[in-house]
Amino acid sequence: SVSAQTDKAIIELSKAVELDPRRWDLHDDLGSLFAQQGKLDDAAKRFEEAIKLQPTAALAVLHLGVIRWRQKSTDEALRLLSRACELSPENAQAHFYLGLALSEQEKHTEAIEQFRIAAKLQPDFPDSSRQLGLSLQRTGDANGAVVAFRRVVELQPENPDAHNNLGLALVQAGDAGSAVQEFEAALRLRPEDSGYRGNLGVAYLQRADF
């Protein structure tokens, strides 16, 4: 099983760290395995050790930032993720997670900038465009959200939530006719969803222009 393989990897990497404790990348790899197992405190210790050994190791800084974000230590996460972006400006994941941390602090304008960078650096990663769309909706930019959610639908045409999110943005943008098509697509993929059905009803009402 995957968990058994992870356990074996942890045993071997722990031995490697004992043999060569000055290698930051071994600490980082071990931390990543602990993170996979949900052992966030153990992971954080490894990443902190990696950063102590190599303060400019962007990957370790990013990994610790993600752990702090998962632990709801948003201020520390923001500091670390900002540093990761400085150290590795071409790393889409660093910008993506910085955007998430900024969103949690309701700094939506700054989050939008980070999600845009992430989506540009890694165009085939749908989560960046999805989060960009959600942040644009929160700031009232429905048309911008439509563009972002269209990209998600392009990348994940079989994802009903992608069609639903696009439909909601289209309703917000005043294009109920196109919204109906998206909610219908969502329902074809997940017919039992009452939320999609309710959204479709609202879109029909708006299209009828009552």
C-alpha atoms as a PDB file:
ATOM      1  CA  SER A   1       0.000   0.000   0.000  1.00  0.00           C
ATOM      2  CA  VAL A   2       0.972   3.659  -0.356  1.00  0.00           C
ATOM      3  CA  SER A   3       1.106   4.179   3.430  1.00  0.00           C
ATOM      4  CA  ALA A   4       3.420   1.167   3.840  1.00  0.00           C
ATOM      5  CA  GLN A   5       5.716   2.562   1.134  1.00  0.00           C
ATOM      6  CA  THR A   6       5.698   5.952   2.896  1.00  0.00           C
ATOM      7  CA  ASP A   7       6.599   4.290   6.216  1.00  0.00           C
ATOM      8  CA  LYS A   8       9.539   2.528   4.539  1.00  0.00           C
ATOM      9  CA  ALA A   9      10.662   5.786   2.917  1.00  0.00           C
ATOM     10  CA  ILE A  10      10.554   7.545   6.305  1.00  0.00           C
ATOM     11  CA  ILE A  11      12.716   4.814   7.889  1.00  0.00           C
ATOM     12  CA  GLU A  12      15.319   5.048   5.114  1.00  0.00           C
ATOM     13  CA  LEU A  13      15.362   8.854   5.013  1.00  0.00           C
ATOM     14  CA  SER A  14      15.654   9.020   8.808  1.00  0.00           C
ATOM     15  CA  LYS A  15      18.737   6.807   8.551  1.00  0.00           C
ATOM     16  CA  ALA A  16      20.127   9.022   5.779  1.00  0.00           C
ATOM     17  CA  VAL A  17      19.620  12.116   7.959  1.00  0.00           C
ATOM     18  CA  GLU A  18      21.487  10.406  10.831  1.00  0.00           C
ATOM     19  CA  LEU A  19      24.375   9.594   8.490  1.00  0.00           C
ATOM     20  CA  ASP A  20      24.503  13.036   6.864  1.00  0.00           C
ATOM     21  CA  PRO A  21      22.681  15.565   9.107  1.00  0.00           C
ATOM     22  CA  ARG A  22      24.092  18.594   7.220  1.00  0.00           C
ATOM     23  CA  ARG A  23      22.135  17.901   4.024  1.00  0.00           C
ATOM     24  CA  TRP A  24      19.148  20.225   4.035  1.00  0.00           C
ATOM     25  CA  ASP A  25      17.470  18.382   1.147  1.00  0.00           C
ATOM     26  CA  LEU A  26      17.240  15.160   3.177  1.00  0.00           C
ATOM     27  CA  HIS A  27      15.477  17.040   5.993  1.00  0.00           C
ATOM     28  CA  ASP A  28      13.150  18.595   3.422  1.00  0.00           C
ATOM     29  CA  ASP A  29      12.330  15.220   1.850  1.00  0.00           C
ATOM     30  CA  LEU A  30      11.667  13.694   5.265  1.00  0.00           C
ATOM     31  CA  GLY A  31       9.443  16.630   6.181  1.00  0.00           C
ATOM     32  CA  SER A  32       7.448  16.144   2.979  1.00  0.00           C
ATOM     33  CA  LEU A  33       6.812  12.504   3.909  1.00  0.00           C
ATOM     34  CA  PHE A  34       5.646  13.478   7.404  1.00  0.00           C
ATOM     35  CA  ALA A  35       3.344  16.079   5.808  1.00  0.00           C
ATOM     36  CA  GLN A  36       1.846  13.385   3.564  1.00  0.00           C
ATOM     37  CA  GLN A  37       1.004  11.413   6.705  1.00  0.00           C
ATOM     38  CA  GLY A  38      -0.594  14.471   8.329  1.00  0.00           C
ATOM     39  CA  LYS A  39       2.174  14.668  10.976  1.00  0.00           C
ATOM     40  CA  LEU A  40       2.432  18.450  10.668  1.00  0.00           C
ATOM     41  CA  ASP A  41       4.534  19.104  13.793  1.00  0.00           C
ATOM     42  CA  ASP A  42       7.113  16.483  12.756  1.00  0.00           C
ATOM     43  CA  ALA A  43       7.120  17.920   9.228  1.00  0.00           C
ATOM     44  CA  ALA A  44       7.616  21.472  10.522  1.00  0.00           C
ATOM     45  CA  LYS A  45      10.660  20.408  12.576  1.00  0.00           C
ATOM     46  CA  ARG A  46      12.308  18.881   9.495  1.00  0.00           C
ATOM     47  CA  PHE A  47      11.603  21.943   7.338  1.00  0.00           C
ATOM     48  CA  GLU A  48      12.902  24.261  10.091  1.00  0.00           C
ATOM     49  CA  GLU A  49      16.100  22.199  10.246  1.00  0.00           C
ATOM     50  CA  ALA A  50      16.447  22.381   6.449  1.00  0.00           C
ATOM     51  CA  ILE A  51      16.084  26.193   6.549  1.00  0.00           C
ATOM     52  CA  LYS A  52      18.606  26.439   9.392  1.00  0.00           C
ATOM     53  CA  LEU A  53      21.106  24.547   7.229  1.00  0.00           C
ATOM     54  CA  GLN A  54      20.239  26.425   4.018  1.00  0.00           C
ATOM     55  CA  PRO A  55      18.342  29.709   4.657  1.00  0.00           C
ATOM     56  CA  THR A  56      17.853  30.342   0.924  1.00  0.00           C
ATOM     57  CA  ALA A  57      16.338  26.901   0.211  1.00  0.00           C
ATOM     58  CA  ALA A  58      13.129  28.139  -1.418  1.00  0.00           C
ATOM     59  CA  LEU A  59      11.513  24.702  -1.406  1.00  0.00           C
ATOM     60  CA  ALA A  60      11.949  24.230   2.345  1.00  0.00           C
ATOM     61  CA  VAL A  61      10.667  27.760   3.016  1.00  0.00           C
ATOM     62  CA  LEU A  62       7.630  27.048   0.820  1.00  0.00           C
ATOM     63  CA  HIS A  63       6.987  23.706   2.514  1.00  0.00           C
ATOM     64  CA  LEU A  64       7.156  25.230   6.008  1.00  0.00           C
ATOM     65  CA  GLY A  65       4.860  28.044   4.854  1.00  0.00           C
ATOM     66  CA  VAL A  66       2.280  25.520   3.635  1.00  0.00           C
ATOM     67  CA  ILE A  67       2.483  23.644   6.960  1.00  0.00           C
ATOM     68  CA  ARG A  68       1.916  26.883   8.902  1.00  0.00           C
ATOM     69  CA  TRP A  69      -1.039  27.674   6.603  1.00  0.00           C
ATOM     70  CA  ARG A  70      -2.498  24.209   7.286  1.00  0.00           C
ATOM     71  CA  GLN A  71      -1.971  24.810  11.018  1.00  0.00           C
ATOM     72  CA  LYS A  72      -3.883  28.129  10.742  1.00  0.00           C
ATOM     73  CA  SER A  73      -0.784  30.157  11.709  1.00  0.00           C
ATOM     74  CA  THR A  74      -1.641  32.624   8.969  1.00  0.00           C
ATOM     75  CA  ASP A  75       0.757  35.433   9.924  1.00  0.00           C
ATOM     76  CA  GLU A  76       3.774  33.126   9.925  1.00  0.00           C
ATOM     77  CA  ALA A  77       2.495  31.452   6.754  1.00  0.00           C
ATOM     78  CA  LEU A  78       2.304  34.858   5.030  1.00  0.00           C
ATOM     79  CA  ARG A  79       5.872  35.703   6.056  1.00  0.00           C
ATOM     80  CA  LEU A  80       7.262  32.360   4.877  1.00  0.00           C
ATOM     81  CA  LEU A  81       5.277  32.200   1.637  1.00  0.00           C
ATOM     82  CA  SER A  82       6.236  35.781   0.749  1.00  0.00           C
ATOM     83  CA  ARG A  83       9.869  34.794   1.321  1.00  0.00           C
ATOM     84  CA  ALA A  84       9.432  31.700  -0.862  1.00  0.00           C
ATOM     85  CA  CYS A  85       8.114  33.914  -3.678  1.00  0.00           C
ATOM     86  CA  GLU A  86      11.142  36.203  -3.315  1.00  0.00           C
ATOM     87  CA  LEU A  87      13.557  33.257  -3.390  1.00  0.00           C
ATOM     88  CA  SER A  88      11.781  31.470  -6.259  1.00  0.00           C
ATOM     89  CA  PRO A  89       9.589  33.909  -8.214  1.00  0.00           C
ATOM     90  CA  GLU A  90       8.946  31.298 -10.930  1.00  0.00           C
ATOM     91  CA  ASN A  91       7.395  28.799  -8.489  1.00  0.00           C
ATOM     92  CA  ALA A  92       3.643  28.783  -9.165  1.00  0.00           C
ATOM     93  CA  GLN A  93       2.856  26.872  -5.963  1.00  0.00           C
ATOM     94  CA  ALA A  94       4.518  29.550  -3.812  1.00  0.00           C
ATOM     95  CA  HIS A  95       2.303  32.239  -5.352  1.00  0.00           C
ATOM     96  CA  PHE A  96      -0.770  29.979  -5.123  1.00  0.00           C
ATOM     97  CA  TYR A  97      -0.374  29.297  -1.398  1.00  0.00           C
ATOM     98  CA  LEU A  98       0.487  32.941  -0.703  1.00  0.00           C
ATOM     99  CA  GLY A  99      -2.798  33.801  -2.445  1.00  0.00           C
ATOM    100  CA  LEU A 100      -4.673  31.360  -0.184  1.00  0.00           C
ATOM    101  CA  ALA A 101      -3.106  32.847   2.949  1.00  0.00           C
ATOM    102  CA  LEU A 102      -3.945  36.387   1.791  1.00  0.00           C
ATOM    103  CA  SER A 103      -7.530  35.298   1.041  1.00  0.00           C
ATOM    104  CA  GLU A 104      -7.917  33.993   4.574  1.00  0.00           C
ATOM    105  CA  GLN A 105      -6.987  37.441   5.841  1.00  0.00           C
ATOM    106  CA  GLU A 106      -9.522  38.908   3.369  1.00  0.00           C
ATOM    107  CA  LYS A 107      -6.744  40.694   1.478  1.00  0.00           C
ATOM    108  CA  HIS A 108      -8.504  39.873  -1.771  1.00  0.00           C
ATOM    109  CA  THR A 109      -6.801  42.410  -4.049  1.00  0.00           C
ATOM    110  CA  GLU A 110      -3.366  41.098  -3.060  1.00  0.00           C
ATOM    111  CA  ALA A 111      -4.609  37.508  -3.330  1.00  0.00           C
ATOM    112  CA  ILE A 112      -5.867  38.166  -6.873  1.00  0.00           C
ATOM    113  CA  GLU A 113      -2.383  39.335  -7.894  1.00  0.00           C
ATOM    114  CA  GLN A 114      -0.831  36.113  -6.548  1.00  0.00           C
ATOM    115  CA  PHE A 115      -3.420  33.838  -8.177  1.00  0.00           C
ATOM    116  CA  ARG A 116      -2.886  35.637 -11.504  1.00  0.00           C
ATOM    117  CA  ILE A 117       0.861  35.032 -11.290  1.00  0.00           C
ATOM    118  CA  ALA A 118       0.311  31.375 -10.336  1.00  0.00           C
ATOM    119  CA  ALA A 119      -2.126  30.839 -13.226  1.00  0.00           C
ATOM    120  CA  LYS A 120       0.303  32.462 -15.667  1.00  0.00           C
ATOM    121  CA  LEU A 121       3.254  30.373 -14.451  1.00  0.00           C
ATOM    122  CA  GLN A 122       1.282  27.113 -14.440  1.00  0.00           C
ATOM    123  CA  PRO A 123      -1.628  27.532 -16.894  1.00  0.00           C
ATOM    124  CA  ASP A 124      -2.739  23.886 -16.639  1.00  0.00           C
ATOM    125  CA  PHE A 125      -3.243  23.991 -12.837  1.00  0.00           C
ATOM    126  CA  PRO A 126      -7.005  24.595 -12.433  1.00  0.00           C
ATOM    127  CA  ASP A 127      -6.934  25.518  -8.727  1.00  0.00           C
ATOM    128  CA  SER A 128      -5.148  28.820  -9.439  1.00  0.00           C
ATOM    129  CA  SER A 129      -7.851  29.906 -11.897  1.00  0.00           C
ATOM    130  CA  ARG A 130     -10.586  28.660  -9.542  1.00  0.00           C
ATOM    131  CA  GLN A 131      -9.242  30.651  -6.601  1.00  0.00           C
ATOM    132  CA  LEU A 132      -8.703  33.655  -8.882  1.00  0.00           C
ATOM    133  CA  GLY A 133     -12.374  33.477  -9.899  1.00  0.00           C
ATOM    134  CA  LEU A 134     -13.556  33.231  -6.284  1.00  0.00           C
ATOM    135  CA  SER A 135     -11.412  36.212  -5.234  1.00  0.00           C
ATOM    136  CA  LEU A 136     -12.643  38.284  -8.185  1.00  0.00           C
ATOM    137  CA  GLN A 137     -16.244  37.463  -7.214  1.00  0.00           C
ATOM    138  CA  ARG A 138     -15.557  38.636  -3.662  1.00  0.00           C
ATOM    139  CA  THR A 139     -14.337  41.984  -4.991  1.00  0.00           C
ATOM    140  CA  GLY A 140     -17.397  42.323  -7.273  1.00  0.00           C
ATOM    141  CA  ASP A 141     -15.548  41.715 -10.555  1.00  0.00           C
ATOM    142  CA  ALA A 142     -18.076  39.288 -12.078  1.00  0.00           C
ATOM    143  CA  ASN A 143     -16.723  39.600 -15.622  1.00  0.00           C
ATOM    144  CA  GLY A 144     -13.197  38.821 -14.454  1.00  0.00           C
ATOM    145  CA  ALA A 145     -14.553  35.833 -12.526  1.00  0.00           C
ATOM    146  CA  VAL A 146     -16.293  34.566 -15.687  1.00  0.00           C
ATOM    147  CA  VAL A 147     -12.959  34.576 -17.558  1.00  0.00           C
ATOM    148  CA  ALA A 148     -11.217  32.722 -14.718  1.00  0.00           C
ATOM    149  CA  PHE A 149     -13.958  30.109 -14.326  1.00  0.00           C
ATOM    150  CA  ARG A 150     -14.117  29.552 -18.109  1.00  0.00           C
ATOM    151  CA  ARG A 151     -10.475  28.538 -17.904  1.00  0.00           C
ATOM    152  CA  VAL A 152     -11.309  26.001 -15.180  1.00  0.00           C
ATOM    153  CA  VAL A 153     -14.090  24.534 -17.370  1.00  0.00           C
ATOM    154  CA  GLU A 154     -11.623  24.285 -20.274  1.00  0.00           C
ATOM    155  CA  LEU A 155      -9.228  22.348 -18.045  1.00  0.00           C
ATOM    156  CA  GLN A 156     -11.884  20.251 -16.306  1.00  0.00           C
ATOM    157  CA  PRO A 157     -14.917  19.900 -18.597  1.00  0.00           C
ATOM    158  CA  GLU A 158     -16.154  16.873 -16.617  1.00  0.00           C
ATOM    159  CA  ASN A 159     -16.096  18.733 -13.268  1.00  0.00           C
ATOM    160  CA  PRO A 160     -19.675  19.756 -12.340  1.00  0.00           C
ATOM    161  CA  ASP A 161     -18.488  22.304  -9.762  1.00  0.00           C
ATOM    162  CA  ALA A 162     -16.493  24.076 -12.485  1.00  0.00           C
ATOM    163  CA  HIS A 163     -19.678  24.546 -14.551  1.00  0.00           C
ATOM    164  CA  ASN A 164     -21.628  25.596 -11.447  1.00  0.00           C
ATOM    165  CA  ASN A 165     -19.028  28.222 -10.473  1.00  0.00           C
ATOM    166  CA  LEU A 166     -19.047  29.596 -14.023  1.00  0.00           C
ATOM    167  CA  GLY A 167     -22.849  29.665 -13.967  1.00  0.00           C
ATOM    168  CA  LEU A 168     -22.908  31.654 -10.722  1.00  0.00           C
ATOM    169  CA  ALA A 169     -20.402  34.162 -12.113  1.00  0.00           C
ATOM    170  CA  LEU A 170     -22.492  34.528 -15.300  1.00  0.00           C
ATOM    171  CA  VAL A 171     -25.620  35.208 -13.221  1.00  0.00           C
ATOM    172  CA  GLN A 172     -23.633  37.820 -11.272  1.00  0.00           C
ATOM    173  CA  ALA A 173     -22.491  39.325 -14.594  1.00  0.00           C
ATOM    174  CA  GLY A 174     -26.106  39.481 -15.856  1.00  0.00           C
ATOM    175  CA  ASP A 175     -25.789  36.750 -18.500  1.00  0.00           C
ATOM    176  CA  ALA A 176     -28.518  34.370 -17.316  1.00  0.00           C
ATOM    177  CA  GLY A 177     -28.836  32.679 -20.729  1.00  0.00           C
ATOM    178  CA  SER A 178     -25.264  31.431 -20.658  1.00  0.00           C
ATOM    179  CA  ALA A 179     -25.611  30.609 -16.949  1.00  0.00           C
ATOM    180  CA  VAL A 180     -28.525  28.253 -17.733  1.00  0.00           C
ATOM    181  CA  GLN A 181     -26.253  26.275 -20.094  1.00  0.00           C
ATOM    182  CA  GLU A 182     -23.591  25.902 -17.388  1.00  0.00           C
ATOM    183  CA  PHE A 183     -26.033  24.805 -14.673  1.00  0.00           C
ATOM    184  CA  GLU A 184     -27.555  22.303 -17.117  1.00  0.00           C
ATOM    185  CA  ALA A 185     -24.047  20.977 -17.843  1.00  0.00           C
ATOM    186  CA  ALA A 186     -23.419  20.651 -14.089  1.00  0.00           C
ATOM    187  CA  LEU A 187     -26.681  18.723 -13.652  1.00  0.00           C
ATOM    188  CA  ARG A 188     -25.873  16.368 -16.523  1.00  0.00           C
ATOM    189  CA  LEU A 189     -22.701  15.464 -14.658  1.00  0.00           C
ATOM    190  CA  ARG A 190     -24.336  15.322 -11.194  1.00  0.00           C
ATOM    191  CA  PRO A 191     -28.148  15.083 -11.591  1.00  0.00           C
ATOM    192  CA  GLU A 192     -28.925  14.612  -7.883  1.00  0.00           C
ATOM    193  CA  ASP A 193     -27.410  17.935  -6.737  1.00  0.00           C
ATOM    194  CA  SER A 194     -30.169  20.154  -5.307  1.00  0.00           C
ATOM    195  CA  GLY A 195     -27.859  23.196  -5.192  1.00  0.00           C
ATOM    196  CA  TYR A 196     -27.245  23.081  -8.947  1.00  0.00           C
ATOM    197  CA  ARG A 197     -30.993  22.672  -9.538  1.00  0.00           C
ATOM    198  CA  GLY A 198     -31.767  25.673  -7.359  1.00  0.00           C
ATOM    199  CA  ASN A 199     -29.179  27.752  -9.216  1.00  0.00           C
ATOM    200  CA  LEU A 200     -30.722  26.695 -12.529  1.00  0.00           C
ATOM    201  CA  GLY A 201     -34.125  27.840 -11.289  1.00  0.00           C
ATOM    202  CA  VAL A 202     -32.743  31.250 -10.314  1.00  0.00           C
ATOM    203  CA  ALA A 203     -31.078  31.578 -13.730  1.00  0.00           C
ATOM    204  CA  TYR A 204     -34.377  30.723 -15.509  1.00  0.00           C
ATOM    205  CA  LEU A 205     -36.119  33.406 -13.423  1.00  0.00           C
ATOM    206  CA  GLN A 206     -33.467  35.986 -14.268  1.00  0.00           C
ATOM    207  CA  ARG A 207     -33.594  35.061 -17.952  1.00  0.00           C
ATOM    208  CA  ALA A 208     -37.393  35.505 -17.930  1.00  0.00           C
ATOM    209  CA  ASP A 209     -36.696  39.039 -16.683  1.00  0.00           C
ATOM    210  CA  PHE A 210     -39.486  39.156 -14.099  1.00  0.00           C
END
